[in-house]
Protein backbone atom coordinates (compact mmCIF):
# COMPACT_ATOMS: atom_id res chain seq x y z
CA UNK A 1 -24.11 -4.55 -59.75
CA UNK A 2 -24.10 -8.33 -60.17
CA UNK A 3 -27.17 -10.18 -59.00
CA UNK A 4 -28.40 -13.73 -59.25
CA UNK A 5 -31.43 -14.32 -61.45
CA UNK A 6 -33.12 -16.53 -58.86
CA UNK A 7 -34.34 -15.36 -55.45
CA UNK A 8 -33.11 -16.98 -52.28
CA UNK A 9 -35.26 -20.05 -51.55
CA UNK A 10 -36.85 -20.38 -48.13
CA UNK A 11 -34.64 -22.01 -45.51
CA UNK A 12 -35.66 -25.64 -45.20
CA UNK A 13 -34.53 -28.42 -42.94
CA UNK A 14 -32.57 -30.98 -44.94
CA UNK A 15 -32.93 -33.76 -42.41
CA UNK A 16 -30.11 -36.20 -41.77
CA UNK A 17 -27.21 -36.00 -44.19
CA UNK A 18 -23.96 -34.16 -44.81
CA UNK A 19 -25.27 -31.32 -46.98
CA UNK A 20 -25.46 -27.83 -45.44
CA UNK A 21 -27.41 -24.74 -46.48
CA UNK A 22 -26.13 -21.96 -44.20
CA UNK A 23 -28.72 -19.63 -42.70
CA UNK A 24 -28.50 -16.00 -43.82
CA UNK A 25 -28.18 -13.59 -40.89
CA UNK A 26 -27.92 -9.77 -40.96
CA UNK A 27 -24.51 -8.80 -39.60
CA UNK A 28 -25.89 -6.98 -36.57
CA UNK A 29 -27.43 -10.15 -35.10
CA UNK A 30 -24.17 -11.36 -33.60
CA UNK A 31 -25.57 -13.76 -31.03
CA UNK A 32 -27.73 -15.51 -33.62
CA UNK A 33 -24.78 -15.83 -36.00
CA UNK A 34 -22.63 -17.41 -33.29
CA UNK A 35 -25.36 -19.88 -32.33
CA UNK A 36 -25.95 -20.93 -35.94
CA UNK A 37 -22.23 -21.32 -36.60
CA UNK A 38 -21.96 -23.55 -33.53
CA UNK A 39 -25.04 -25.56 -34.50
CA UNK A 40 -24.55 -25.95 -38.25
CA UNK A 41 -20.85 -25.28 -38.80
CA UNK A 42 -21.61 -22.49 -41.29
CA UNK A 43 -23.53 -19.21 -41.54
CA UNK A 44 -23.87 -16.43 -44.13
CA UNK A 45 -23.59 -12.86 -42.85
CA UNK A 46 -25.42 -10.27 -44.91
CA UNK A 47 -25.33 -6.48 -44.88
CA UNK A 48 -21.59 -5.96 -44.44
CA UNK A 49 -19.81 -3.44 -46.63
CA UNK A 50 -17.99 -4.96 -49.57
CA UNK A 51 -14.53 -4.25 -48.13
CA UNK A 52 -11.64 -6.23 -46.71
CA UNK A 53 -12.26 -4.55 -43.35
CA UNK A 54 -15.64 -6.29 -43.21
CA UNK A 55 -13.94 -9.68 -42.98
CA UNK A 56 -11.99 -8.59 -39.91
CA UNK A 57 -15.15 -7.25 -38.30
CA UNK A 58 -17.02 -10.46 -39.11
CA UNK A 59 -14.24 -12.62 -37.66
CA UNK A 60 -14.39 -10.64 -34.42
CA UNK A 61 -18.18 -10.88 -34.32
CA UNK A 62 -18.40 -14.66 -34.67
CA UNK A 63 -15.46 -15.49 -32.37
CA UNK A 64 -15.55 -12.63 -29.85
CA UNK A 65 -12.84 -12.74 -27.22
CA UNK A 66 -11.83 -16.22 -28.40
CA UNK A 67 -10.12 -14.69 -31.47
CA UNK A 68 -6.36 -15.29 -31.34
CA UNK A 69 -4.83 -14.85 -34.83
CA UNK A 70 -5.82 -13.49 -38.22
CA UNK A 71 -3.86 -14.34 -41.36
CA UNK A 72 -3.36 -12.12 -44.42
CA UNK A 73 -6.30 -11.53 -46.76
CA UNK A 74 -6.32 -13.40 -50.03
CA UNK A 75 -8.16 -12.18 -53.13
CA UNK A 76 -9.16 -14.80 -55.68
CA UNK A 77 -10.48 -13.86 -59.12
CA UNK A 78 -11.51 -16.58 -61.55
CA UNK A 79 -12.41 -16.11 -65.20
CA UNK A 80 -14.69 -18.73 -66.75
CA UNK A 81 -13.95 -20.73 -63.60
CA UNK A 82 -13.88 -24.49 -63.40
CA UNK A 83 -15.52 -26.17 -60.37
CA UNK A 84 -13.75 -26.02 -57.01
CA UNK A 85 -14.08 -29.34 -55.21
CA UNK A 86 -14.83 -29.78 -51.54
CA UNK A 87 -11.92 -28.80 -49.33
CA UNK A 88 -10.98 -27.40 -45.95
CA UNK A 89 -8.61 -24.44 -45.92
CA UNK A 90 -5.23 -25.50 -44.59
CA UNK A 91 -1.68 -24.44 -45.31
CA UNK A 92 1.63 -24.02 -43.49
CA UNK A 93 3.58 -20.95 -44.56
CA UNK A 94 6.11 -18.99 -42.50
CA UNK A 95 8.11 -16.26 -44.25
CA UNK A 96 11.19 -14.29 -43.29
CA UNK A 97 10.64 -10.52 -43.54
CA UNK A 98 13.85 -8.61 -42.86
CA UNK A 99 15.07 -11.27 -40.47
CA UNK A 100 11.77 -11.69 -38.60
CA UNK A 101 9.65 -14.81 -39.08
CA UNK A 102 5.97 -14.19 -39.83
CA UNK A 103 3.30 -16.87 -40.07
CA UNK A 104 1.06 -16.28 -43.07
CA UNK A 105 -0.99 -19.50 -42.86
CA UNK A 106 -1.51 -22.13 -40.17
CA UNK A 107 -2.21 -25.85 -40.65
CA UNK A 108 -4.90 -25.72 -37.96
CA UNK A 109 -6.72 -22.46 -38.69
CA UNK A 110 -10.22 -23.18 -37.42
CA UNK A 111 -12.30 -20.48 -39.12
CA UNK A 112 -12.49 -19.40 -42.76
CA UNK A 113 -14.45 -16.40 -44.00
CA UNK A 114 -15.23 -15.92 -47.70
CA UNK A 115 -16.70 -12.63 -48.92
CA UNK A 116 -18.19 -12.50 -52.39
CA UNK A 117 -17.00 -9.22 -53.88
CA UNK A 118 -18.13 -9.92 -57.46
CA UNK A 119 -20.61 -12.75 -58.16
CA UNK A 120 -20.30 -14.53 -61.47
CA UNK A 121 -22.91 -13.57 -64.08
CA UNK A 122 -23.85 -17.24 -64.43
CA UNK A 123 -23.09 -20.19 -62.13
CA UNK A 124 -20.58 -20.22 -59.30
CA UNK A 125 -23.02 -21.29 -56.58
CA UNK A 126 -21.46 -22.64 -53.39
CA UNK A 127 -21.95 -25.93 -51.58
CA UNK A 128 -20.84 -27.20 -48.19
CA UNK A 129 -20.61 -30.54 -46.43
CA UNK A 130 -20.66 -31.49 -42.77
CA UNK A 131 -17.45 -33.54 -42.70
CA UNK A 132 -18.27 -34.87 -39.23
CA UNK A 133 -21.44 -36.52 -40.61
CA UNK A 134 -19.63 -37.64 -43.77
CA UNK A 135 -16.78 -39.35 -41.92
CA UNK A 136 -19.06 -40.83 -39.28
CA UNK A 137 -21.14 -42.34 -42.07
CA UNK A 138 -18.07 -44.03 -43.54
CA UNK A 139 -17.74 -46.11 -40.36
CA UNK A 140 -20.63 -48.25 -41.63
CA UNK A 141 -20.59 -47.65 -45.39
CA UNK A 142 -16.82 -47.85 -46.00
CA UNK A 143 -14.95 -49.06 -42.89
CA UNK A 144 -11.63 -49.30 -44.74
CA UNK A 145 -11.69 -45.66 -45.80
CA UNK A 146 -12.84 -44.64 -42.31
CA UNK A 147 -9.92 -46.57 -40.78
CA UNK A 148 -7.51 -44.82 -43.15
CA UNK A 149 -8.78 -41.34 -42.31
CA UNK A 150 -8.64 -41.93 -38.57
CA UNK A 151 -5.57 -44.14 -38.33
CA UNK A 152 -3.03 -43.42 -41.08
CA UNK A 153 -0.39 -40.70 -41.10
CA UNK A 154 0.25 -38.77 -44.32
CA UNK A 155 2.42 -35.86 -45.39
CA UNK A 156 -0.29 -33.19 -45.48
CA UNK A 157 1.44 -30.85 -47.94
CA UNK A 158 3.93 -33.12 -49.69
CA UNK A 159 2.32 -32.58 -53.09
CA UNK A 160 3.27 -28.91 -52.83
CA UNK A 161 6.87 -29.46 -51.69
CA UNK A 162 8.33 -27.16 -54.37
CA UNK A 163 6.24 -24.16 -53.35
CA UNK A 164 8.37 -21.45 -51.78
CA UNK A 165 7.52 -20.72 -48.16
CA UNK A 166 6.48 -24.23 -47.19
CA UNK A 167 8.66 -25.74 -44.46
CA UNK A 168 11.36 -28.15 -45.56
CA UNK A 169 10.32 -30.61 -42.82
CA UNK A 170 7.24 -32.65 -43.85
CA UNK A 171 4.04 -31.92 -41.96
CA UNK A 172 2.85 -35.32 -40.75
CA UNK A 173 -0.70 -35.83 -39.55
CA UNK A 174 -3.94 -37.72 -40.03
CA UNK A 175 -7.06 -36.58 -41.81
CA UNK A 176 -9.00 -36.93 -38.56
CA UNK A 177 -7.34 -35.65 -35.38
CA UNK A 178 -8.24 -33.86 -32.15
CA UNK A 179 -7.01 -30.75 -30.42
CA UNK A 180 -5.69 -31.13 -26.88
CA UNK A 181 -9.08 -29.91 -25.62
CA UNK A 182 -10.91 -32.59 -27.60
CA UNK A 183 -12.14 -30.66 -30.64
CA UNK A 184 -12.22 -32.84 -33.76
CA UNK A 185 -10.41 -31.73 -36.93
CA UNK A 186 -11.30 -33.30 -40.28
CA UNK A 187 -8.87 -32.26 -42.98
CA UNK A 188 -9.36 -32.23 -46.72
CA UNK A 189 -6.47 -31.05 -48.90
CA UNK A 190 -5.14 -31.95 -52.33
CA UNK A 191 -1.64 -31.64 -50.89
CA UNK A 192 -1.68 -34.95 -49.00
CA UNK A 193 0.75 -37.67 -50.14
CA UNK A 194 2.28 -40.76 -48.50
CA UNK A 195 5.16 -40.17 -46.13
CA UNK A 196 8.54 -40.65 -47.81
CA UNK A 197 9.45 -44.36 -47.85
CA UNK A 198 6.30 -45.35 -46.00
CA UNK A 199 6.21 -49.18 -46.15
CA UNK A 200 2.47 -48.93 -46.92
CA UNK A 201 2.94 -46.35 -49.66
CA UNK A 202 0.80 -48.12 -52.27
CA UNK A 203 -2.02 -48.62 -49.78
CA UNK A 204 -1.86 -44.94 -48.78
CA UNK A 205 -1.95 -43.85 -52.42
CA UNK A 206 -4.94 -46.08 -53.08
CA UNK A 207 -6.84 -44.74 -50.07
CA UNK A 208 -6.09 -41.13 -50.99
CA UNK A 209 -7.51 -41.83 -54.45
CA UNK A 210 -10.57 -43.48 -52.90
CA UNK A 211 -11.09 -40.44 -50.67
CA UNK A 212 -10.99 -38.17 -53.71
CA UNK A 213 -13.52 -40.37 -55.51
CA UNK A 214 -15.82 -40.41 -52.46
CA UNK A 215 -15.66 -36.63 -52.06
CA UNK A 216 -16.26 -35.95 -55.75
CA UNK A 217 -19.04 -38.50 -55.73
CA UNK A 218 -21.03 -36.77 -52.99
CA UNK A 219 -20.75 -33.28 -54.48
CA UNK A 220 -23.59 -33.52 -57.05
CA UNK A 221 -26.10 -34.41 -54.30
CA UNK A 222 -25.29 -31.41 -52.10
CA UNK A 223 -27.66 -28.43 -52.05
CA UNK A 224 -26.38 -25.27 -53.71
CA UNK A 225 -26.64 -21.74 -52.36
CA UNK A 226 -25.65 -18.39 -53.90
CA UNK A 227 -23.46 -15.71 -52.38
CA UNK A 228 -24.53 -12.20 -53.32
CA UNK A 229 -22.23 -9.20 -53.49
CA UNK A 230 -20.91 -8.46 -50.00
CA UNK A 231 -22.17 -11.69 -48.43
CA UNK A 232 -19.71 -13.39 -46.05
CA UNK A 233 -19.74 -17.15 -45.72
CA UNK A 234 -18.31 -18.16 -42.33
CA UNK A 235 -17.24 -21.78 -41.84
CA UNK A 236 -16.04 -23.92 -38.97
CA UNK A 237 -12.94 -25.08 -40.82
CA UNK A 238 -12.52 -28.13 -38.59
CA UNK A 239 -15.99 -29.42 -39.39
CA UNK A 240 -17.08 -28.17 -42.82
CA UNK A 241 -15.70 -28.65 -46.31
CA UNK A 242 -16.77 -26.22 -49.02
CA UNK A 243 -16.61 -25.80 -52.79
CA UNK A 244 -18.38 -24.10 -55.67
CA UNK A 245 -19.72 -24.83 -59.13
CA UNK A 246 -18.07 -23.71 -62.32
CA UNK A 247 -19.12 -20.36 -63.76
CA UNK A 248 -18.97 -18.09 -66.77
CA UNK A 249 -17.64 -14.56 -66.58
CA UNK A 250 -15.56 -13.12 -63.76
CA UNK A 251 -16.00 -13.98 -60.09
CA UNK A 252 -13.99 -12.50 -57.20
CA UNK A 253 -13.89 -13.40 -53.50
CA UNK A 254 -11.87 -12.27 -50.50
CA UNK A 255 -10.74 -14.95 -48.07
CA UNK A 256 -9.63 -14.59 -44.46
CA UNK A 257 -8.58 -17.45 -42.22
CA UNK A 258 -8.34 -17.24 -38.43
CA UNK A 259 -7.54 -19.19 -35.29
CA UNK A 260 -9.53 -18.97 -32.10
CA UNK A 261 -8.69 -20.23 -28.63
CA UNK A 262 -10.81 -23.27 -29.52
CA UNK A 263 -7.97 -24.39 -31.79
CA UNK A 264 -5.69 -25.07 -28.81
């Protein structure tokens, strides 16, 4: 049994700012979990069994009849892990299985669930950022970067072009976009590169580098929170970016991404 040496601190209001400390909610309090996810963009479900089935149950609980698609589970084990920087889960993989196309990841999956199956003995605490607040703040603190995120097209996965399963056609989009029903998406992926032969390629590269610097720069100020064995962190993947600190020893998580009808 792996446990953290420190108890969970009381939930406190952080006031204005992009940092998020998700509220911990026992898994049976479904209505409360949904309300907190809608309000804060993140919630931690406690009390689930430490099984892959628990992620499916949790996804159904927080989305209800709005659940449309679940994508295959992913298990991630890190040994003496380096930090994972802020990101939003996003990928575009369709595979051919005996002549039938199957989608394994979606560029616009709007929920991500992370279950801690084995906490690290030391370190590995999580952190999350309200990307809506972060980007809105850039409008006054860094108008040029804000204009880039809201107005410039990039190839979202071009840095991973050699990975098998990715489509041959570039996936073009902006970091900040909207669904047809008006829901805002704020993307954060290390796969973004300038579009091939973009006349503003040097400007795009410079702004991508500035975005990375800005994201890495805000990380040390964000509050940390632990995930205990079996805990499930649920995130609004359109709104929240997440990461974790480095750790010693082995740490394992299960990850499930999903789309709801709100992603239309």
